[in-house]
Amino acid sequence: SLNALTAAYASPEMFENAPRDPRDDIFALGCIAYQLLTGMHPFAMKASNEAAAQGLEPEPIPDVDPAAWSVIRQALSFDRETRTRSVEDFAKGLFED
């Protein structure tokens, strides 16, 4: 009800006032996972709408299994339709593939 967000972790759709969707949280989860594994935010703490406008792409994470990188990269998609759909899918891709 507060419509509050943390700009560096909010999905692009949140800046457009789109109806909320679980994939907005998946974007934040992708940012946090990336930051935990690298020590850096995937878009240098820029808001996702700014990062998208600048054409920024997260650097691949060295020494991470390609399947794990793929699910993290998908979670960081600026397009909700191509973003990982659920926490279950994220965890499966990260730990089971």
PDB file of N, CA and C in Angstrom:
ATOM      1  N   SER A   1       0.810  -1.202   0.000  1.00  0.00           N
ATOM      2  CA  SER A   1       0.000   0.000   0.000  1.00  0.00           C
ATOM      3  C   SER A   1       0.857   1.271   0.000  1.00  0.00           C
ATOM      4  N   LEU A   2       2.137   1.135   0.361  1.00  0.00           N
ATOM      5  CA  LEU A   2       3.000   2.308   0.395  1.00  0.00           C
ATOM      6  C   LEU A   2       3.586   2.655  -0.964  1.00  0.00           C
ATOM      7  N   ASN A   3       3.604   1.678  -1.873  1.00  0.00           N
ATOM      8  CA  ASN A   3       4.218   1.858  -3.184  1.00  0.00           C
ATOM      9  C   ASN A   3       5.670   2.314  -3.085  1.00  0.00           C
ATOM     10  N   ALA A   4       6.341   1.863  -2.055  1.00  0.00           N
ATOM     11  CA  ALA A   4       7.751   2.194  -1.869  1.00  0.00           C
ATOM     12  C   ALA A   4       8.601   1.161  -2.602  1.00  0.00           C
ATOM     13  N   LEU A   5       9.778   1.592  -3.029  1.00  0.00           N
ATOM     14  CA  LEU A   5      10.692   0.657  -3.671  1.00  0.00           C
ATOM     15  C   LEU A   5      12.118   1.121  -3.439  1.00  0.00           C
ATOM     16  N   THR A   6      13.031   0.191  -3.583  1.00  0.00           N
ATOM     17  CA  THR A   6      14.452   0.496  -3.533  1.00  0.00           C
ATOM     18  C   THR A   6      14.921   0.503  -4.981  1.00  0.00           C
ATOM     19  N   ALA A   7      15.271   1.671  -5.479  1.00  0.00           N
ATOM     20  CA  ALA A   7      15.506   1.865  -6.909  1.00  0.00           C
ATOM     21  C   ALA A   7      16.508   0.884  -7.510  1.00  0.00           C
ATOM     22  N   ALA A   8      17.574   0.567  -6.806  1.00  0.00           N
ATOM     23  CA  ALA A   8      18.612  -0.305  -7.365  1.00  0.00           C
ATOM     24  C   ALA A   8      18.157  -1.761  -7.495  1.00  0.00           C
ATOM     25  N   TYR A   9      17.039  -2.125  -6.875  1.00  0.00           N
ATOM     26  CA  TYR A   9      16.562  -3.506  -6.905  1.00  0.00           C
ATOM     27  C   TYR A   9      15.171  -3.644  -7.520  1.00  0.00           C
ATOM     28  N   ALA A  10      14.579  -2.546  -7.910  1.00  0.00           N
ATOM     29  CA  ALA A  10      13.229  -2.569  -8.471  1.00  0.00           C
ATOM     30  C   ALA A  10      13.263  -2.903  -9.959  1.00  0.00           C
ATOM     31  N   SER A  11      12.305  -3.686 -10.392  1.00  0.00           N
ATOM     32  CA  SER A  11      12.209  -4.038 -11.812  1.00  0.00           C
ATOM     33  C   SER A  11      11.787  -2.811 -12.613  1.00  0.00           C
ATOM     34  N   PRO A  12      12.070  -2.814 -13.917  1.00  0.00           N
ATOM     35  CA  PRO A  12      11.644  -1.680 -14.758  1.00  0.00           C
ATOM     36  C   PRO A  12      10.135  -1.448 -14.699  1.00  0.00           C
ATOM     37  N   GLU A  13       9.363  -2.514 -14.587  1.00  0.00           N
ATOM     38  CA  GLU A  13       7.906  -2.388 -14.562  1.00  0.00           C
ATOM     39  C   GLU A  13       7.431  -1.599 -13.345  1.00  0.00           C
ATOM     40  N   MET A  14       8.185  -1.683 -12.256  1.00  0.00           N
ATOM     41  CA  MET A  14       7.787  -0.947 -11.051  1.00  0.00           C
ATOM     42  C   MET A  14       7.892   0.562 -11.274  1.00  0.00           C
ATOM     43  N   PHE A  15       8.821   0.991 -12.120  1.00  0.00           N
ATOM     44  CA  PHE A  15       8.942   2.415 -12.418  1.00  0.00           C
ATOM     45  C   PHE A  15       7.839   2.884 -13.359  1.00  0.00           C
ATOM     46  N   GLU A  16       7.202   1.940 -14.040  1.00  0.00           N
ATOM     47  CA  GLU A  16       6.122   2.261 -14.978  1.00  0.00           C
ATOM     48  C   GLU A  16       4.753   2.137 -14.319  1.00  0.00           C
ATOM     49  N   ASN A  17       4.755   1.851 -13.008  1.00  0.00           N
ATOM     50  CA  ASN A  17       3.507   1.643 -12.256  1.00  0.00           C
ATOM     51  C   ASN A  17       2.656   0.520 -12.843  1.00  0.00           C
ATOM     52  N   ALA A  18       3.303  -0.482 -13.414  1.00  0.00           N
ATOM     53  CA  ALA A  18       2.589  -1.649 -13.934  1.00  0.00           C
ATOM     54  C   ALA A  18       2.005  -2.435 -12.759  1.00  0.00           C
ATOM     55  N   PRO A  19       0.967  -3.219 -13.004  1.00  0.00           N
ATOM     56  CA  PRO A  19       0.449  -4.075 -11.925  1.00  0.00           C
ATOM     57  C   PRO A  19       1.580  -4.950 -11.386  1.00  0.00           C
ATOM     58  N   ARG A  20       1.609  -5.134 -10.095  1.00  0.00           N
ATOM     59  CA  ARG A  20       2.667  -5.919  -9.465  1.00  0.00           C
ATOM     60  C   ARG A  20       2.567  -7.376  -9.883  1.00  0.00           C
ATOM     61  N   ASP A  21       3.722  -8.019  -9.934  1.00  0.00           N
ATOM     62  CA  ASP A  21       3.840  -9.386 -10.424  1.00  0.00           C
ATOM     63  C   ASP A  21       4.993 -10.047  -9.669  1.00  0.00           C
ATOM     64  N   PRO A  22       4.925 -11.347  -9.401  1.00  0.00           N
ATOM     65  CA  PRO A  22       6.037 -12.020  -8.715  1.00  0.00           C
ATOM     66  C   PRO A  22       7.381 -11.841  -9.423  1.00  0.00           C
ATOM     67  N   ARG A  23       7.365 -11.634 -10.731  1.00  0.00           N
ATOM     68  CA  ARG A  23       8.617 -11.466 -11.468  1.00  0.00           C
ATOM     69  C   ARG A  23       9.329 -10.161 -11.117  1.00  0.00           C
ATOM     70  N   ASP A  24       8.607  -9.214 -10.486  1.00  0.00           N
ATOM     71  CA  ASP A  24       9.275  -8.015  -9.975  1.00  0.00           C
ATOM     72  C   ASP A  24      10.220  -8.417  -8.843  1.00  0.00           C
ATOM     73  N   ASP A  25       9.771  -9.316  -7.992  1.00  0.00           N
ATOM     74  CA  ASP A  25      10.617  -9.810  -6.898  1.00  0.00           C
ATOM     75  C   ASP A  25      11.758 -10.674  -7.420  1.00  0.00           C
ATOM     76  N   ILE A  26      11.521 -11.386  -8.518  1.00  0.00           N
ATOM     77  CA  ILE A  26      12.583 -12.200  -9.114  1.00  0.00           C
ATOM     78  C   ILE A  26      13.714 -11.299  -9.600  1.00  0.00           C
ATOM     79  N   PHE A  27      13.375 -10.126 -10.137  1.00  0.00           N
ATOM     80  CA  PHE A  27      14.420  -9.186 -10.559  1.00  0.00           C
ATOM     81  C   PHE A  27      15.292  -8.811  -9.356  1.00  0.00           C
ATOM     82  N   ALA A  28      14.663  -8.478  -8.243  1.00  0.00           N
ATOM     83  CA  ALA A  28      15.413  -8.126  -7.035  1.00  0.00           C
ATOM     84  C   ALA A  28      16.248  -9.307  -6.557  1.00  0.00           C
ATOM     85  N   LEU A  29      15.683 -10.506  -6.610  1.00  0.00           N
ATOM     86  CA  LEU A  29      16.418 -11.712  -6.216  1.00  0.00           C
ATOM     87  C   LEU A  29      17.646 -11.906  -7.100  1.00  0.00           C
ATOM     88  N   GLY A  30      17.503 -11.670  -8.384  1.00  0.00           N
ATOM     89  CA  GLY A  30      18.639 -11.772  -9.294  1.00  0.00           C
ATOM     90  C   GLY A  30      19.727 -10.771  -8.938  1.00  0.00           C
ATOM     91  N   CYS A  31      19.325  -9.540  -8.607  1.00  0.00           N
ATOM     92  CA  CYS A  31      20.307  -8.521  -8.205  1.00  0.00           C
ATOM     93  C   CYS A  31      21.054  -8.956  -6.946  1.00  0.00           C
ATOM     94  N   ILE A  32      20.322  -9.474  -5.986  1.00  0.00           N
ATOM     95  CA  ILE A  32      20.938  -9.888  -4.722  1.00  0.00           C
ATOM     96  C   ILE A  32      21.857 -11.086  -4.931  1.00  0.00           C
ATOM     97  N   ALA A  33      21.422 -12.066  -5.705  1.00  0.00           N
ATOM     98  CA  ALA A  33      22.269 -13.233  -5.980  1.00  0.00           C
ATOM     99  C   ALA A  33      23.554 -12.797  -6.667  1.00  0.00           C
ATOM    100  N   TYR A  34      23.431 -11.928  -7.656  1.00  0.00           N
ATOM    101  CA  TYR A  34      24.608 -11.423  -8.374  1.00  0.00           C
ATOM    102  C   TYR A  34      25.552 -10.723  -7.401  1.00  0.00           C
ATOM    103  N   GLN A  35      24.986  -9.898  -6.555  1.00  0.00           N
ATOM    104  CA  GLN A  35      25.800  -9.142  -5.603  1.00  0.00           C
ATOM    105  C   GLN A  35      26.470 -10.061  -4.585  1.00  0.00           C
ATOM    106  N   LEU A  36      25.784 -11.086  -4.152  1.00  0.00           N
ATOM    107  CA  LEU A  36      26.386 -12.040  -3.215  1.00  0.00           C
ATOM    108  C   LEU A  36      27.558 -12.788  -3.842  1.00  0.00           C
ATOM    109  N   LEU A  37      27.426 -13.121  -5.112  1.00  0.00           N
ATOM    110  CA  LEU A  37      28.466 -13.901  -5.785  1.00  0.00           C
ATOM    111  C   LEU A  37      29.638 -13.068  -6.287  1.00  0.00           C
ATOM    112  N   THR A  38      29.424 -11.776  -6.499  1.00  0.00           N
ATOM    113  CA  THR A  38      30.487 -10.944  -7.069  1.00  0.00           C
ATOM    114  C   THR A  38      30.958  -9.820  -6.154  1.00  0.00           C
ATOM    115  N   GLY A  39      30.134  -9.453  -5.197  1.00  0.00           N
ATOM    116  CA  GLY A  39      30.435  -8.307  -4.355  1.00  0.00           C
ATOM    117  C   GLY A  39      30.041  -6.991  -5.002  1.00  0.00           C
ATOM    118  N   MET A  40      29.404  -7.066  -6.179  1.00  0.00           N
ATOM    119  CA  MET A  40      29.001  -5.855  -6.908  1.00  0.00           C
ATOM    120  C   MET A  40      27.557  -5.994  -7.387  1.00  0.00           C
ATOM    121  N   HIS A  41      26.879  -4.873  -7.468  1.00  0.00           N
ATOM    122  CA  HIS A  41      25.532  -4.844  -8.029  1.00  0.00           C
ATOM    123  C   HIS A  41      25.652  -5.038  -9.543  1.00  0.00           C
ATOM    124  N   PRO A  42      24.728  -5.766 -10.175  1.00  0.00           N
ATOM    125  CA  PRO A  42      24.864  -6.049 -11.620  1.00  0.00           C
ATOM    126  C   PRO A  42      24.831  -4.812 -12.512  1.00  0.00           C
ATOM    127  N   PHE A  43      24.249  -3.730 -12.030  1.00  0.00           N
ATOM    128  CA  PHE A  43      24.135  -2.517 -12.838  1.00  0.00           C
ATOM    129  C   PHE A  43      24.716  -1.299 -12.104  1.00  0.00           C
ATOM    130  N   ALA A  44      25.741  -1.532 -11.293  1.00  0.00           N
ATOM    131  CA  ALA A  44      26.443  -0.465 -10.563  1.00  0.00           C
ATOM    132  C   ALA A  44      25.486   0.410  -9.755  1.00  0.00           C
ATOM    133  N   MET A  45      24.489  -0.224  -9.150  1.00  0.00           N
ATOM    134  CA  MET A  45      23.493   0.437  -8.294  1.00  0.00           C
ATOM    135  C   MET A  45      22.599   1.412  -9.058  1.00  0.00           C
ATOM    136  N   LYS A  46      22.603   1.334 -10.376  1.00  0.00           N
ATOM    137  CA  LYS A  46      21.686   2.165 -11.158  1.00  0.00           C
ATOM    138  C   LYS A  46      20.295   1.540 -11.112  1.00  0.00           C
ATOM    139  N   ALA A  47      19.286   2.372 -11.164  1.00  0.00           N
ATOM    140  CA  ALA A  47      17.917   1.882 -11.264  1.00  0.00           C
ATOM    141  C   ALA A  47      17.773   1.119 -12.576  1.00  0.00           C
ATOM    142  N   SER A  48      16.949   0.087 -12.580  1.00  0.00           N
ATOM    143  CA  SER A  48      16.819  -0.768 -13.762  1.00  0.00           C
ATOM    144  C   SER A  48      16.334  -0.012 -14.987  1.00  0.00           C
ATOM    145  N   ASN A  49      15.460   0.964 -14.808  1.00  0.00           N
ATOM    146  CA  ASN A  49      15.000   1.721 -15.979  1.00  0.00           C
ATOM    147  C   ASN A  49      16.140   2.541 -16.580  1.00  0.00           C
ATOM    148  N   GLU A  50      17.035   3.074 -15.742  1.00  0.00           N
ATOM    149  CA  GLU A  50      18.204   3.796 -16.243  1.00  0.00           C
ATOM    150  C   GLU A  50      19.188   2.826 -16.898  1.00  0.00           C
ATOM    151  N   ALA A  51      19.415   1.686 -16.245  1.00  0.00           N
ATOM    152  CA  ALA A  51      20.339   0.689 -16.798  1.00  0.00           C
ATOM    153  C   ALA A  51      19.842   0.203 -18.154  1.00  0.00           C
ATOM    154  N   ALA A  52      18.537  -0.037 -18.271  1.00  0.00           N
ATOM    155  CA  ALA A  52      17.966  -0.480 -19.547  1.00  0.00           C
ATOM    156  C   ALA A  52      18.131   0.603 -20.617  1.00  0.00           C
ATOM    157  N   ALA A  53      17.859   1.847 -20.262  1.00  0.00           N
ATOM    158  CA  ALA A  53      17.987   2.952 -21.219  1.00  0.00           C
ATOM    159  C   ALA A  53      19.429   3.116 -21.696  1.00  0.00           C
ATOM    160  N   GLN A  54      20.384   2.770 -20.828  1.00  0.00           N
ATOM    161  CA  GLN A  54      21.799   2.880 -21.179  1.00  0.00           C
ATOM    162  C   GLN A  54      22.334   1.613 -21.848  1.00  0.00           C
ATOM    163  N   GLY A  55      21.476   0.600 -21.976  1.00  0.00           N
ATOM    164  CA  GLY A  55      21.887  -0.645 -22.613  1.00  0.00           C
ATOM    165  C   GLY A  55      22.890  -1.435 -21.793  1.00  0.00           C
ATOM    166  N   LEU A  56      22.861  -1.282 -20.472  1.00  0.00           N
ATOM    167  CA  LEU A  56      23.802  -2.003 -19.616  1.00  0.00           C
ATOM    168  C   LEU A  56      23.468  -3.490 -19.575  1.00  0.00           C
ATOM    169  N   GLU A  57      24.492  -4.294 -19.486  1.00  0.00           N
ATOM    170  CA  GLU A  57      24.362  -5.740 -19.359  1.00  0.00           C
ATOM    171  C   GLU A  57      25.232  -6.175 -18.184  1.00  0.00           C
ATOM    172  N   PRO A  58      24.750  -7.105 -17.352  1.00  0.00           N
ATOM    173  CA  PRO A  58      25.606  -7.576 -16.261  1.00  0.00           C
ATOM    174  C   PRO A  58      26.775  -8.391 -16.813  1.00  0.00           C
ATOM    175  N   GLU A  59      27.933  -8.207 -16.231  1.00  0.00           N
ATOM    176  CA  GLU A  59      29.102  -9.002 -16.610  1.00  0.00           C
ATOM    177  C   GLU A  59      28.874 -10.445 -16.167  1.00  0.00           C
ATOM    178  N   PRO A  60      29.237 -11.423 -16.978  1.00  0.00           N
ATOM    179  CA  PRO A  60      29.127 -12.814 -16.543  1.00  0.00           C
ATOM    180  C   PRO A  60      29.921 -13.034 -15.253  1.00  0.00           C
ATOM    181  N   ILE A  61      29.422 -13.939 -14.440  1.00  0.00           N
ATOM    182  CA  ILE A  61      30.078 -14.230 -13.169  1.00  0.00           C
ATOM    183  C   ILE A  61      31.111 -15.327 -13.392  1.00  0.00           C
ATOM    184  N   PRO A  62      32.387 -15.020 -13.149  1.00  0.00           N
ATOM    185  CA  PRO A  62      33.423 -16.041 -13.347  1.00  0.00           C
ATOM    186  C   PRO A  62      33.252 -17.198 -12.366  1.00  0.00           C
ATOM    187  N   ASP A  63      33.639 -18.377 -12.809  1.00  0.00           N
ATOM    188  CA  ASP A  63      33.659 -19.571 -11.958  1.00  0.00           C
ATOM    189  C   ASP A  63      32.281 -19.996 -11.451  1.00  0.00           C
ATOM    190  N   VAL A  64      31.232 -19.556 -12.125  1.00  0.00           N
ATOM    191  CA  VAL A  64      29.882 -20.005 -11.784  1.00  0.00           C
ATOM    192  C   VAL A  64      29.427 -20.940 -12.881  1.00  0.00           C
ATOM    193  N   ASP A  65      28.800 -22.021 -12.486  1.00  0.00           N
ATOM    194  CA  ASP A  65      28.278 -22.991 -13.442  1.00  0.00           C
ATOM    195  C   ASP A  65      27.433 -22.268 -14.502  1.00  0.00           C
ATOM    196  N   PRO A  66      27.594 -22.615 -15.766  1.00  0.00           N
ATOM    197  CA  PRO A  66      26.828 -21.941 -16.829  1.00  0.00           C
ATOM    198  C   PRO A  66      25.314 -21.980 -16.618  1.00  0.00           C
ATOM    199  N   ALA A  67      24.788 -23.074 -16.082  1.00  0.00           N
ATOM    200  CA  ALA A  67      23.343 -23.145 -15.826  1.00  0.00           C
ATOM    201  C   ALA A  67      22.935 -22.155 -14.739  1.00  0.00           C
ATOM    202  N   ALA A  68      23.772 -22.015 -13.723  1.00  0.00           N
ATOM    203  CA  ALA A  68      23.482 -21.059 -12.657  1.00  0.00           C
ATOM    204  C   ALA A  68      23.551 -19.633 -13.197  1.00  0.00           C
ATOM    205  N   TRP A  69      24.565 -19.345 -14.014  1.00  0.00           N
ATOM    206  CA  TRP A  69      24.662 -18.017 -14.609  1.00  0.00           C
ATOM    207  C   TRP A  69      23.442 -17.733 -15.480  1.00  0.00           C
ATOM    208  N   SER A  70      22.995 -18.713 -16.216  1.00  0.00           N
ATOM    209  CA  SER A  70      21.852 -18.535 -17.094  1.00  0.00           C
ATOM    210  C   SER A  70      20.599 -18.135 -16.314  1.00  0.00           C
ATOM    211  N   VAL A  71      20.359 -18.794 -15.186  1.00  0.00           N
ATOM    212  CA  VAL A  71      19.154 -18.476 -14.404  1.00  0.00           C
ATOM    213  C   VAL A  71      19.294 -17.109 -13.737  1.00  0.00           C
ATOM    214  N   ILE A  72      20.489 -16.747 -13.306  1.00  0.00           N
ATOM    215  CA  ILE A  72      20.688 -15.415 -12.729  1.00  0.00           C
ATOM    216  C   ILE A  72      20.503 -14.355 -13.809  1.00  0.00           C
ATOM    217  N   ARG A  73      21.088 -14.584 -14.967  1.00  0.00           N
ATOM    218  CA  ARG A  73      20.963 -13.634 -16.076  1.00  0.00           C
ATOM    219  C   ARG A  73      19.506 -13.461 -16.491  1.00  0.00           C
ATOM    220  N   GLN A  74      18.771 -14.554 -16.533  1.00  0.00           N
ATOM    221  CA  GLN A  74      17.359 -14.488 -16.894  1.00  0.00           C
ATOM    222  C   GLN A  74      16.568 -13.706 -15.840  1.00  0.00           C
ATOM    223  N   ALA A  75      16.920 -13.857 -14.573  1.00  0.00           N
ATOM    224  CA  ALA A  75      16.248 -13.106 -13.511  1.00  0.00           C
ATOM    225  C   ALA A  75      16.491 -11.607 -13.648  1.00  0.00           C
ATOM    226  N   LEU A  76      17.615 -11.238 -14.247  1.00  0.00           N
ATOM    227  CA  LEU A  76      17.985  -9.838 -14.401  1.00  0.00           C
ATOM    228  C   LEU A  76      17.459  -9.219 -15.703  1.00  0.00           C
ATOM    229  N   SER A  77      16.622  -9.936 -16.411  1.00  0.00           N
ATOM    230  CA  SER A  77      16.074  -9.422 -17.666  1.00  0.00           C
ATOM    231  C   SER A  77      15.254  -8.158 -17.411  1.00  0.00           C
ATOM    232  N   PHE A  78      15.432  -7.156 -18.260  1.00  0.00           N
ATOM    233  CA  PHE A  78      14.645  -5.934 -18.152  1.00  0.00           C
ATOM    234  C   PHE A  78      13.222  -6.140 -18.663  1.00  0.00           C
ATOM    235  N   ASP A  79      12.961  -7.264 -19.297  1.00  0.00           N
ATOM    236  CA  ASP A  79      11.637  -7.581 -19.851  1.00  0.00           C
ATOM    237  C   ASP A  79      10.978  -8.649 -18.992  1.00  0.00           C
ATOM    238  N   ARG A  80       9.883  -8.288 -18.362  1.00  0.00           N
ATOM    239  CA  ARG A  80       9.180  -9.209 -17.461  1.00  0.00           C
ATOM    240  C   ARG A  80       8.843 -10.528 -18.148  1.00  0.00           C
ATOM    241  N   GLU A  81       8.476 -10.474 -19.417  1.00  0.00           N
ATOM    242  CA  GLU A  81       8.045 -11.695 -20.114  1.00  0.00           C
ATOM    243  C   GLU A  81       9.174 -12.713 -20.291  1.00  0.00           C
ATOM    244  N   THR A  82      10.413 -12.264 -20.283  1.00  0.00           N
ATOM    245  CA  THR A  82      11.533 -13.204 -20.435  1.00  0.00           C
ATOM    246  C   THR A  82      12.223 -13.498 -19.102  1.00  0.00           C
ATOM    247  N   ARG A  83      11.755 -12.872 -18.040  1.00  0.00           N
ATOM    248  CA  ARG A  83      12.344 -13.056 -16.715  1.00  0.00           C
ATOM    249  C   ARG A  83      11.908 -14.394 -16.114  1.00  0.00           C
ATOM    250  N   THR A  84      12.755 -14.964 -15.294  1.00  0.00           N
ATOM    251  CA  THR A  84      12.421 -16.182 -14.550  1.00  0.00           C
ATOM    252  C   THR A  84      11.067 -15.974 -13.876  1.00  0.00           C
ATOM    253  N   ARG A  85      10.200 -16.981 -13.964  1.00  0.00           N
ATOM    254  CA  ARG A  85       8.816 -16.809 -13.535  1.00  0.00           C
ATOM    255  C   ARG A  85       8.560 -16.991 -12.051  1.00  0.00           C
ATOM    256  N   SER A  86       9.391 -17.748 -11.349  1.00  0.00           N
ATOM    257  CA  SER A  86       9.107 -18.015  -9.937  1.00  0.00           C
ATOM    258  C   SER A  86      10.393 -18.285  -9.165  1.00  0.00           C
ATOM    259  N   VAL A  87      10.293 -18.182  -7.863  1.00  0.00           N
ATOM    260  CA  VAL A  87      11.428 -18.511  -6.997  1.00  0.00           C
ATOM    261  C   VAL A  87      11.780 -19.987  -7.165  1.00  0.00           C
ATOM    262  N   GLU A  88      10.771 -20.820  -7.335  1.00  0.00           N
ATOM    263  CA  GLU A  88      11.016 -22.253  -7.528  1.00  0.00           C
ATOM    264  C   GLU A  88      11.858 -22.495  -8.777  1.00  0.00           C
ATOM    265  N   ASP A  89      11.519 -21.811  -9.882  1.00  0.00           N
ATOM    266  CA  ASP A  89      12.300 -21.946 -11.118  1.00  0.00           C
ATOM    267  C   ASP A  89      13.713 -21.423 -10.935  1.00  0.00           C
ATOM    268  N   PHE A  90      13.842 -20.320 -10.185  1.00  0.00           N
ATOM    269  CA  PHE A  90      15.148 -19.747  -9.916  1.00  0.00           C
ATOM    270  C   PHE A  90      16.014 -20.745  -9.129  1.00  0.00           C
ATOM    271  N   ALA A  91      15.450 -21.274  -8.051  1.00  0.00           N
ATOM    272  CA  ALA A  91      16.192 -22.223  -7.207  1.00  0.00           C
ATOM    273  C   ALA A  91      16.531 -23.489  -7.982  1.00  0.00           C
ATOM    274  N   LYS A  92      15.612 -23.990  -8.777  1.00  0.00           N
ATOM    275  CA  LYS A  92      15.871 -25.188  -9.557  1.00  0.00           C
ATOM    276  C   LYS A  92      17.024 -24.961 -10.521  1.00  0.00           C
ATOM    277  N   GLY A  93      17.009 -23.837 -11.213  1.00  0.00           N
ATOM    278  CA  GLY A  93      18.076 -23.534 -12.152  1.00  0.00           C
ATOM    279  C   GLY A  93      19.408 -23.311 -11.474  1.00  0.00           C
ATOM    280  N   LEU A  94      19.367 -22.771 -10.287  1.00  0.00           N
ATOM    281  CA  LEU A  94      20.589 -22.459  -9.562  1.00  0.00           C
ATOM    282  C   LEU A  94      21.200 -23.693  -8.914  1.00  0.00           C
ATOM    283  N   PHE A  95      20.365 -24.561  -8.378  1.00  0.00           N
ATOM    284  CA  PHE A  95      20.863 -25.679  -7.572  1.00  0.00           C
ATOM    285  C   PHE A  95      20.666 -27.071  -8.157  1.00  0.00           C
ATOM    286  N   GLU A  96      19.745 -27.225  -9.114  1.00  0.00           N
ATOM    287  CA  GLU A  96      19.419 -28.576  -9.564  1.00  0.00           C
ATOM    288  C   GLU A  96      19.866 -28.877 -10.975  1.00  0.00           C
ATOM    289  N   ASP A  97      20.015 -27.888 -11.818  1.00  0.00           N
ATOM    290  CA  ASP A  97      20.382 -28.152 -13.221  1.00  0.00           C
ATOM    291  C   ASP A  97      21.839 -28.501 -13.357  1.00  0.00           C
TER     292      ASP A  97
END
